[in-house]
Amino acid sequence: MKTELTVDRLEDILSYYGYEAYSGRGMGGRQCLSITIPRYERVFRVLADLIARCDDEQEAAALVRDVAVDDLGLGAVLYWPGIEMPRTASEQED
């Protein structure tokens, strides 16, 4: 059975790193959850830490399966384009 991550669960997993909104390639301005890693060589270390925060193997698989990476020169941004950033109350009023 394929597990899907929810916004709330991904926020919990990413909370240690301080997630933020990001709009990656081909997203047409949609915003999703992301974390920025200042040194690119730490991408796999951060992914391993995020996997350790998952509840089970299926959740870990969904986390890794759904992630995308953009190169920021020396750093990288990990983002989940299939999980849109929740809109704040003020954004919903617009």
PDB file of N, CA and C in Angstrom:
ATOM      1  N   MET A   1       0.838  -1.184   0.000  1.00  0.00           N
ATOM      2  CA  MET A   1       0.000   0.000   0.000  1.00  0.00           C
ATOM      3  C   MET A   1       0.879   1.242   0.000  1.00  0.00           C
ATOM      4  N   LYS A   2       0.620   2.166  -0.906  1.00  0.00           N
ATOM      5  CA  LYS A   2       1.407   3.388  -1.057  1.00  0.00           C
ATOM      6  C   LYS A   2       0.913   4.442  -0.072  1.00  0.00           C
ATOM      7  N   THR A   3       1.798   4.916   0.786  1.00  0.00           N
ATOM      8  CA  THR A   3       1.463   5.948   1.763  1.00  0.00           C
ATOM      9  C   THR A   3       1.686   7.316   1.146  1.00  0.00           C
ATOM     10  N   GLU A   4       0.767   8.230   1.368  1.00  0.00           N
ATOM     11  CA  GLU A   4       0.903   9.614   0.925  1.00  0.00           C
ATOM     12  C   GLU A   4       1.143  10.490   2.145  1.00  0.00           C
ATOM     13  N   LEU A   5       2.077  11.416   2.028  1.00  0.00           N
ATOM     14  CA  LEU A   5       2.326  12.361   3.107  1.00  0.00           C
ATOM     15  C   LEU A   5       1.280  13.463   3.072  1.00  0.00           C
ATOM     16  N   THR A   6       0.835  13.905   4.227  1.00  0.00           N
ATOM     17  CA  THR A   6      -0.063  15.046   4.318  1.00  0.00           C
ATOM     18  C   THR A   6       0.759  16.288   4.634  1.00  0.00           C
ATOM     19  N   VAL A   7       0.193  17.449   4.423  1.00  0.00           N
ATOM     20  CA  VAL A   7       0.876  18.704   4.749  1.00  0.00           C
ATOM     21  C   VAL A   7       1.242  18.726   6.222  1.00  0.00           C
ATOM     22  N   ASP A   8       0.301  18.372   7.084  1.00  0.00           N
ATOM     23  CA  ASP A   8       0.562  18.404   8.524  1.00  0.00           C
ATOM     24  C   ASP A   8       1.703  17.477   8.920  1.00  0.00           C
ATOM     25  N   ARG A   9       1.727  16.283   8.353  1.00  0.00           N
ATOM     26  CA  ARG A   9       2.788  15.329   8.706  1.00  0.00           C
ATOM     27  C   ARG A   9       4.140  15.806   8.185  1.00  0.00           C
ATOM     28  N   LEU A  10       4.173  16.331   6.962  1.00  0.00           N
ATOM     29  CA  LEU A  10       5.430  16.839   6.422  1.00  0.00           C
ATOM     30  C   LEU A  10       5.927  18.028   7.247  1.00  0.00           C
ATOM     31  N   GLU A  11       5.006  18.896   7.687  1.00  0.00           N
ATOM     32  CA  GLU A  11       5.404  20.006   8.554  1.00  0.00           C
ATOM     33  C   GLU A  11       6.062  19.479   9.829  1.00  0.00           C
ATOM     34  N   ASP A  12       5.496  18.420  10.417  1.00  0.00           N
ATOM     35  CA  ASP A  12       6.083  17.815  11.620  1.00  0.00           C
ATOM     36  C   ASP A  12       7.495  17.300  11.356  1.00  0.00           C
ATOM     37  N   ILE A  13       7.661  16.596  10.255  1.00  0.00           N
ATOM     38  CA  ILE A  13       8.961  16.010   9.929  1.00  0.00           C
ATOM     39  C   ILE A  13      10.004  17.102   9.663  1.00  0.00           C
ATOM     40  N   LEU A  14       9.599  18.171   8.971  1.00  0.00           N
ATOM     41  CA  LEU A  14      10.534  19.230   8.593  1.00  0.00           C
ATOM     42  C   LEU A  14      10.751  20.275   9.677  1.00  0.00           C
ATOM     43  N   SER A  15       9.962  20.250  10.738  1.00  0.00           N
ATOM     44  CA  SER A  15       9.983  21.328  11.736  1.00  0.00           C
ATOM     45  C   SER A  15      11.363  21.588  12.335  1.00  0.00           C
ATOM     46  N   TYR A  16      12.175  20.587  12.496  1.00  0.00           N
ATOM     47  CA  TYR A  16      13.512  20.760  13.066  1.00  0.00           C
ATOM     48  C   TYR A  16      14.369  21.680  12.197  1.00  0.00           C
ATOM     49  N   TYR A  17      14.146  21.633  10.891  1.00  0.00           N
ATOM     50  CA  TYR A  17      14.950  22.415   9.952  1.00  0.00           C
ATOM     51  C   TYR A  17      14.342  23.771   9.604  1.00  0.00           C
ATOM     52  N   GLY A  18      13.162  24.056  10.079  1.00  0.00           N
ATOM     53  CA  GLY A  18      12.532  25.339   9.778  1.00  0.00           C
ATOM     54  C   GLY A  18      12.124  25.440   8.313  1.00  0.00           C
ATOM     55  N   TYR A  19      11.028  24.816   7.952  1.00  0.00           N
ATOM     56  CA  TYR A  19      10.565  24.792   6.572  1.00  0.00           C
ATOM     57  C   TYR A  19      10.062  26.165   6.135  1.00  0.00           C
ATOM     58  N   GLU A  20       9.977  26.339   4.812  1.00  0.00           N
ATOM     59  CA  GLU A  20       9.469  27.584   4.249  1.00  0.00           C
ATOM     60  C   GLU A  20       8.778  27.293   2.926  1.00  0.00           C
ATOM     61  N   ALA A  21       8.100  28.289   2.396  1.00  0.00           N
ATOM     62  CA  ALA A  21       7.422  28.141   1.109  1.00  0.00           C
ATOM     63  C   ALA A  21       8.450  28.230  -0.019  1.00  0.00           C
ATOM     64  N   TYR A  22       8.226  27.448  -1.078  1.00  0.00           N
ATOM     65  CA  TYR A  22       9.125  27.450  -2.227  1.00  0.00           C
ATOM     66  C   TYR A  22       8.322  27.115  -3.476  1.00  0.00           C
ATOM     67  N   SER A  23       8.681  27.748  -4.569  1.00  0.00           N
ATOM     68  CA  SER A  23       8.070  27.437  -5.855  1.00  0.00           C
ATOM     69  C   SER A  23       9.167  26.987  -6.804  1.00  0.00           C
ATOM     70  N   GLY A  24       9.208  25.692  -7.064  1.00  0.00           N
ATOM     71  CA  GLY A  24      10.261  25.109  -7.886  1.00  0.00           C
ATOM     72  C   GLY A  24       9.941  25.146  -9.368  1.00  0.00           C
ATOM     73  N   ARG A  25      10.854  24.563 -10.126  1.00  0.00           N
ATOM     74  CA  ARG A  25      10.704  24.506 -11.579  1.00  0.00           C
ATOM     75  C   ARG A  25       9.401  23.823 -11.982  1.00  0.00           C
ATOM     76  N   GLY A  26       8.707  24.435 -12.911  1.00  0.00           N
ATOM     77  CA  GLY A  26       7.496  23.843 -13.465  1.00  0.00           C
ATOM     78  C   GLY A  26       6.294  23.852 -12.532  1.00  0.00           C
ATOM     79  N   MET A  27       6.366  24.612 -11.442  1.00  0.00           N
ATOM     80  CA  MET A  27       5.250  24.627 -10.488  1.00  0.00           C
ATOM     81  C   MET A  27       4.247  25.745 -10.763  1.00  0.00           C
ATOM     82  N   GLY A  28       4.536  26.613 -11.720  1.00  0.00           N
ATOM     83  CA  GLY A  28       3.585  27.658 -12.105  1.00  0.00           C
ATOM     84  C   GLY A  28       3.214  28.595 -10.972  1.00  0.00           C
ATOM     85  N   GLY A  29       4.145  28.866 -10.083  1.00  0.00           N
ATOM     86  CA  GLY A  29       3.887  29.788  -8.979  1.00  0.00           C
ATOM     87  C   GLY A  29       3.274  29.153  -7.741  1.00  0.00           C
ATOM     88  N   ARG A  30       2.843  27.889  -7.839  1.00  0.00           N
ATOM     89  CA  ARG A  30       2.335  27.216  -6.637  1.00  0.00           C
ATOM     90  C   ARG A  30       3.454  27.123  -5.616  1.00  0.00           C
ATOM     91  N   GLN A  31       3.125  27.205  -4.351  1.00  0.00           N
ATOM     92  CA  GLN A  31       4.104  27.142  -3.269  1.00  0.00           C
ATOM     93  C   GLN A  31       3.988  25.806  -2.543  1.00  0.00           C
ATOM     94  N   CYS A  32       5.138  25.229  -2.222  1.00  0.00           N
ATOM     95  CA  CYS A  32       5.142  23.969  -1.490  1.00  0.00           C
ATOM     96  C   CYS A  32       6.096  24.084  -0.304  1.00  0.00           C
ATOM     97  N   LEU A  33       6.092  23.074   0.541  1.00  0.00           N
ATOM     98  CA  LEU A  33       6.991  23.047   1.689  1.00  0.00           C
ATOM     99  C   LEU A  33       8.407  22.727   1.240  1.00  0.00           C
ATOM    100  N   SER A  34       9.390  23.379   1.864  1.00  0.00           N
ATOM    101  CA  SER A  34      10.784  23.142   1.504  1.00  0.00           C
ATOM    102  C   SER A  34      11.696  23.415   2.695  1.00  0.00           C
ATOM    103  N   ILE A  35      12.916  22.910   2.602  1.00  0.00           N
ATOM    104  CA  ILE A  35      13.972  23.276   3.545  1.00  0.00           C
ATOM    105  C   ILE A  35      15.216  23.591   2.722  1.00  0.00           C
ATOM    106  N   THR A  36      15.982  24.562   3.195  1.00  0.00           N
ATOM    107  CA  THR A  36      17.215  24.953   2.517  1.00  0.00           C
ATOM    108  C   THR A  36      18.397  24.376   3.274  1.00  0.00           C
ATOM    109  N   ILE A  37      19.310  23.802   2.539  1.00  0.00           N
ATOM    110  CA  ILE A  37      20.511  23.202   3.118  1.00  0.00           C
ATOM    111  C   ILE A  37      21.697  24.040   2.630  1.00  0.00           C
ATOM    112  N   PRO A  38      22.434  24.660   3.558  1.00  0.00           N
ATOM    113  CA  PRO A  38      23.493  25.572   3.146  1.00  0.00           C
ATOM    114  C   PRO A  38      24.670  24.922   2.422  1.00  0.00           C
ATOM    115  N   ARG A  39      24.917  23.669   2.659  1.00  0.00           N
ATOM    116  CA  ARG A  39      26.034  22.980   1.991  1.00  0.00           C
ATOM    117  C   ARG A  39      25.495  21.763   1.262  1.00  0.00           C
ATOM    118  N   TYR A  40      25.690  21.724  -0.056  1.00  0.00           N
ATOM    119  CA  TYR A  40      25.084  20.690  -0.892  1.00  0.00           C
ATOM    120  C   TYR A  40      25.472  19.272  -0.469  1.00  0.00           C
ATOM    121  N   GLU A  41      26.698  19.081   0.013  1.00  0.00           N
ATOM    122  CA  GLU A  41      27.121  17.726   0.362  1.00  0.00           C
ATOM    123  C   GLU A  41      26.356  17.159   1.558  1.00  0.00           C
ATOM    124  N   ARG A  42      25.593  17.976   2.246  1.00  0.00           N
ATOM    125  CA  ARG A  42      24.819  17.505   3.396  1.00  0.00           C
ATOM    126  C   ARG A  42      23.405  17.053   3.025  1.00  0.00           C
ATOM    127  N   VAL A  43      23.057  17.067   1.764  1.00  0.00           N
ATOM    128  CA  VAL A  43      21.717  16.673   1.331  1.00  0.00           C
ATOM    129  C   VAL A  43      21.368  15.274   1.834  1.00  0.00           C
ATOM    130  N   PHE A  44      22.266  14.318   1.667  1.00  0.00           N
ATOM    131  CA  PHE A  44      21.961  12.944   2.066  1.00  0.00           C
ATOM    132  C   PHE A  44      21.920  12.797   3.581  1.00  0.00           C
ATOM    133  N   ARG A  45      22.728  13.545   4.289  1.00  0.00           N
ATOM    134  CA  ARG A  45      22.686  13.526   5.756  1.00  0.00           C
ATOM    135  C   ARG A  45      21.337  14.057   6.252  1.00  0.00           C
ATOM    136  N   VAL A  46      20.871  15.140   5.642  1.00  0.00           N
ATOM    137  CA  VAL A  46      19.573  15.705   6.023  1.00  0.00           C
ATOM    138  C   VAL A  46      18.453  14.736   5.671  1.00  0.00           C
ATOM    139  N   LEU A  47      18.505  14.129   4.482  1.00  0.00           N
ATOM    140  CA  LEU A  47      17.478  13.141   4.112  1.00  0.00           C
ATOM    141  C   LEU A  47      17.458  11.980   5.097  1.00  0.00           C
ATOM    142  N   ALA A  48      18.635  11.505   5.513  1.00  0.00           N
ATOM    143  CA  ALA A  48      18.694  10.412   6.488  1.00  0.00           C
ATOM    144  C   ALA A  48      18.047  10.831   7.803  1.00  0.00           C
ATOM    145  N   ASP A  49      18.285  12.071   8.224  1.00  0.00           N
ATOM    146  CA  ASP A  49      17.675  12.571   9.457  1.00  0.00           C
ATOM    147  C   ASP A  49      16.158  12.666   9.313  1.00  0.00           C
ATOM    148  N   LEU A  50      15.695  13.146   8.159  1.00  0.00           N
ATOM    149  CA  LEU A  50      14.250  13.242   7.923  1.00  0.00           C
ATOM    150  C   LEU A  50      13.607  11.855   7.908  1.00  0.00           C
ATOM    151  N   ILE A  51      14.285  10.881   7.301  1.00  0.00           N
ATOM    152  CA  ILE A  51      13.773   9.509   7.277  1.00  0.00           C
ATOM    153  C   ILE A  51      13.643   8.969   8.695  1.00  0.00           C
ATOM    154  N   ALA A  52      14.620   9.281   9.549  1.00  0.00           N
ATOM    155  CA  ALA A  52      14.577   8.814  10.939  1.00  0.00           C
ATOM    156  C   ALA A  52      13.384   9.402  11.691  1.00  0.00           C
ATOM    157  N   ARG A  53      12.867  10.526  11.243  1.00  0.00           N
ATOM    158  CA  ARG A  53      11.713  11.163  11.894  1.00  0.00           C
ATOM    159  C   ARG A  53      10.381  10.583  11.427  1.00  0.00           C
ATOM    160  N   CYS A  54      10.418   9.734  10.415  1.00  0.00           N
ATOM    161  CA  CYS A  54       9.192   9.124   9.892  1.00  0.00           C
ATOM    162  C   CYS A  54       8.694   8.039  10.838  1.00  0.00           C
ATOM    163  N   ASP A  55       7.380   7.786  10.795  1.00  0.00           N
ATOM    164  CA  ASP A  55       6.761   6.791  11.665  1.00  0.00           C
ATOM    165  C   ASP A  55       7.001   5.355  11.216  1.00  0.00           C
ATOM    166  N   ASP A  56       7.136   5.144   9.908  1.00  0.00           N
ATOM    167  CA  ASP A  56       7.310   3.780   9.406  1.00  0.00           C
ATOM    168  C   ASP A  56       7.967   3.809   8.034  1.00  0.00           C
ATOM    169  N   GLU A  57       8.226   2.614   7.481  1.00  0.00           N
ATOM    170  CA  GLU A  57       8.907   2.509   6.190  1.00  0.00           C
ATOM    171  C   GLU A  57       8.107   3.138   5.054  1.00  0.00           C
ATOM    172  N   GLN A  58       6.794   2.984   5.071  1.00  0.00           N
ATOM    173  CA  GLN A  58       5.962   3.541   4.003  1.00  0.00           C
ATOM    174  C   GLN A  58       6.019   5.068   4.000  1.00  0.00           C
ATOM    175  N   GLU A  59       5.997   5.663   5.182  1.00  0.00           N
ATOM    176  CA  GLU A  59       6.080   7.118   5.274  1.00  0.00           C
ATOM    177  C   GLU A  59       7.456   7.600   4.798  1.00  0.00           C
ATOM    178  N   ALA A  60       8.518   6.878   5.179  1.00  0.00           N
ATOM    179  CA  ALA A  60       9.868   7.216   4.732  1.00  0.00           C
ATOM    180  C   ALA A  60       9.976   7.113   3.210  1.00  0.00           C
ATOM    181  N   ALA A  61       9.385   6.074   2.647  1.00  0.00           N
ATOM    182  CA  ALA A  61       9.408   5.898   1.188  1.00  0.00           C
ATOM    183  C   ALA A  61       8.691   7.052   0.495  1.00  0.00           C
ATOM    184  N   ALA A  62       7.547   7.471   1.031  1.00  0.00           N
ATOM    185  CA  ALA A  62       6.803   8.589   0.451  1.00  0.00           C
ATOM    186  C   ALA A  62       7.612   9.880   0.536  1.00  0.00           C
ATOM    187  N   LEU A  63       8.301  10.080   1.650  1.00  0.00           N
ATOM    188  CA  LEU A  63       9.123  11.276   1.837  1.00  0.00           C
ATOM    189  C   LEU A  63      10.201  11.353   0.758  1.00  0.00           C
ATOM    190  N   VAL A  64      10.904  10.256   0.534  1.00  0.00           N
ATOM    191  CA  VAL A  64      12.001  10.229  -0.428  1.00  0.00           C
ATOM    192  C   VAL A  64      11.477  10.233  -1.863  1.00  0.00           C
ATOM    193  N   ARG A  65      10.408   9.501  -2.116  1.00  0.00           N
ATOM    194  CA  ARG A  65       9.838   9.394  -3.468  1.00  0.00           C
ATOM    195  C   ARG A  65       9.358  10.751  -3.978  1.00  0.00           C
ATOM    196  N   ASP A  66       8.807  11.562  -3.100  1.00  0.00           N
ATOM    197  CA  ASP A  66       8.163  12.802  -3.507  1.00  0.00           C
ATOM    198  C   ASP A  66       9.064  14.035  -3.463  1.00  0.00           C
ATOM    199  N   VAL A  67      10.320  13.898  -3.013  1.00  0.00           N
ATOM    200  CA  VAL A  67      11.213  15.054  -2.865  1.00  0.00           C
ATOM    201  C   VAL A  67      11.838  15.444  -4.202  1.00  0.00           C
ATOM    202  N   ALA A  68      12.078  16.737  -4.363  1.00  0.00           N
ATOM    203  CA  ALA A  68      12.827  17.270  -5.507  1.00  0.00           C
ATOM    204  C   ALA A  68      13.945  18.138  -4.929  1.00  0.00           C
ATOM    205  N   VAL A  69      14.994  18.338  -5.702  1.00  0.00           N
ATOM    206  CA  VAL A  69      16.145  19.112  -5.241  1.00  0.00           C
ATOM    207  C   VAL A  69      16.497  20.156  -6.286  1.00  0.00           C
ATOM    208  N   ASP A  70      16.678  21.405  -5.838  1.00  0.00           N
ATOM    209  CA  ASP A  70      17.206  22.460  -6.702  1.00  0.00           C
ATOM    210  C   ASP A  70      18.565  22.867  -6.169  1.00  0.00           C
ATOM    211  N   ASP A  71      19.499  23.018  -7.064  1.00  0.00           N
ATOM    212  CA  ASP A  71      20.862  23.426  -6.728  1.00  0.00           C
ATOM    213  C   ASP A  71      20.891  24.939  -6.527  1.00  0.00           C
ATOM    214  N   LEU A  72      21.480  25.376  -5.415  1.00  0.00           N
ATOM    215  CA  LEU A  72      21.604  26.802  -5.126  1.00  0.00           C
ATOM    216  C   LEU A  72      23.063  27.248  -5.161  1.00  0.00           C
ATOM    217  N   GLY A  73      23.851  26.606  -5.976  1.00  0.00           N
ATOM    218  CA  GLY A  73      25.282  26.916  -5.996  1.00  0.00           C
ATOM    219  C   GLY A  73      25.998  26.053  -4.971  1.00  0.00           C
ATOM    220  N   LEU A  74      26.265  26.607  -3.814  1.00  0.00           N
ATOM    221  CA  LEU A  74      26.915  25.836  -2.751  1.00  0.00           C
ATOM    222  C   LEU A  74      25.917  25.033  -1.924  1.00  0.00           C
ATOM    223  N   GLY A  75      24.676  25.437  -1.939  1.00  0.00           N
ATOM    224  CA  GLY A  75      23.646  24.764  -1.147  1.00  0.00           C
ATOM    225  C   GLY A  75      22.583  24.135  -2.027  1.00  0.00           C
ATOM    226  N   ALA A  76      21.508  23.716  -1.383  1.00  0.00           N
ATOM    227  CA  ALA A  76      20.408  23.083  -2.111  1.00  0.00           C
ATOM    228  C   ALA A  76      19.106  23.346  -1.362  1.00  0.00           C
ATOM    229  N   VAL A  77      18.021  23.230  -2.082  1.00  0.00           N
ATOM    230  CA  VAL A  77      16.701  23.279  -1.458  1.00  0.00           C
ATOM    231  C   VAL A  77      16.020  21.949  -1.746  1.00  0.00           C
ATOM    232  N   LEU A  78      15.524  21.314  -0.691  1.00  0.00           N
ATOM    233  CA  LEU A  78      14.716  20.103  -0.825  1.00  0.00           C
ATOM    234  C   LEU A  78      13.272  20.550  -0.757  1.00  0.00           C
ATOM    235  N   TYR A  79      12.455  20.110  -1.706  1.00  0.00           N
ATOM    236  CA  TYR A  79      11.050  20.519  -1.694  1.00  0.00           C
ATOM    237  C   TYR A  79      10.155  19.396  -2.179  1.00  0.00           C
ATOM    238  N   TRP A  80       8.906  19.508  -1.793  1.00  0.00           N
ATOM    239  CA  TRP A  80       7.912  18.485  -2.095  1.00  0.00           C
ATOM    240  C   TRP A  80       6.818  19.127  -2.940  1.00  0.00           C
ATOM    241  N   PRO A  81       6.989  19.147  -4.296  1.00  0.00           N
ATOM    242  CA  PRO A  81       6.060  19.866  -5.167  1.00  0.00           C
ATOM    243  C   PRO A  81       4.630  19.342  -5.144  1.00  0.00           C
ATOM    244  N   GLY A  82       4.430  18.103  -4.761  1.00  0.00           N
ATOM    245  CA  GLY A  82       3.080  17.542  -4.706  1.00  0.00           C
ATOM    246  C   GLY A  82       2.320  17.901  -3.446  1.00  0.00           C
ATOM    247  N   ILE A  83       2.974  18.578  -2.512  1.00  0.00           N
ATOM    248  CA  ILE A  83       2.329  18.953  -1.247  1.00  0.00           C
ATOM    249  C   ILE A  83       2.368  20.469  -1.134  1.00  0.00           C
ATOM    250  N   GLU A  84       1.257  21.111  -1.500  1.00  0.00           N
ATOM    251  CA  GLU A  84       1.213  22.567  -1.505  1.00  0.00           C
ATOM    252  C   GLU A  84       1.282  23.140  -0.100  1.00  0.00           C
ATOM    253  N   MET A  85       1.948  24.284   0.001  1.00  0.00           N
ATOM    254  CA  MET A  85       2.036  25.023   1.257  1.00  0.00           C
ATOM    255  C   MET A  85       0.633  25.505   1.620  1.00  0.00           C
ATOM    256  N   PRO A  86       0.217  25.274   2.865  1.00  0.00           N
ATOM    257  CA  PRO A  86      -1.109  25.751   3.252  1.00  0.00           C
ATOM    258  C   PRO A  86      -1.175  27.268   3.200  1.00  0.00           C
ATOM    259  N   ARG A  87      -2.300  27.780   2.776  1.00  0.00           N
ATOM    260  CA  ARG A  87      -2.490  29.237   2.700  1.00  0.00           C
ATOM    261  C   ARG A  87      -2.878  29.754   4.079  1.00  0.00           C
ATOM    262  N   THR A  88      -2.344  30.924   4.413  1.00  0.00           N
ATOM    263  CA  THR A  88      -2.710  31.568   5.674  1.00  0.00           C
ATOM    264  C   THR A  88      -4.100  32.166   5.557  1.00  0.00           C
ATOM    265  N   ALA A  89      -4.672  32.559   6.671  1.00  0.00           N
ATOM    266  CA  ALA A  89      -6.010  33.145   6.670  1.00  0.00           C
ATOM    267  C   ALA A  89      -6.047  34.420   5.814  1.00  0.00           C
ATOM    268  N   SER A  90      -5.004  35.240   5.894  1.00  0.00           N
ATOM    269  CA  SER A  90      -4.987  36.481   5.109  1.00  0.00           C
ATOM    270  C   SER A  90      -4.874  36.196   3.621  1.00  0.00           C
ATOM    271  N   GLU A  91      -4.151  35.135   3.231  1.00  0.00           N
ATOM    272  CA  GLU A  91      -4.051  34.773   1.822  1.00  0.00           C
ATOM    273  C   GLU A  91      -5.381  34.238   1.298  1.00  0.00           C
ATOM    274  N   GLN A  92      -6.132  33.547   2.130  1.00  0.00           N
ATOM    275  CA  GLN A  92      -7.416  33.003   1.711  1.00  0.00           C
ATOM    276  C   GLN A  92      -8.444  34.097   1.486  1.00  0.00           C
ATOM    277  N   GLU A  93      -8.286  35.244   2.162  1.00  0.00           N
ATOM    278  CA  GLU A  93      -9.225  36.357   2.004  1.00  0.00           C
ATOM    279  C   GLU A  93      -9.028  37.077   0.688  1.00  0.00           C
ATOM    280  N   ASP A  94      -7.804  37.013   0.108  1.00  0.00           N
ATOM    281  CA  ASP A  94      -7.496  37.716  -1.147  1.00  0.00           C
ATOM    282  C   ASP A  94      -8.180  37.104  -2.335  1.00  0.00           C
TER     283      ASP A  94
END
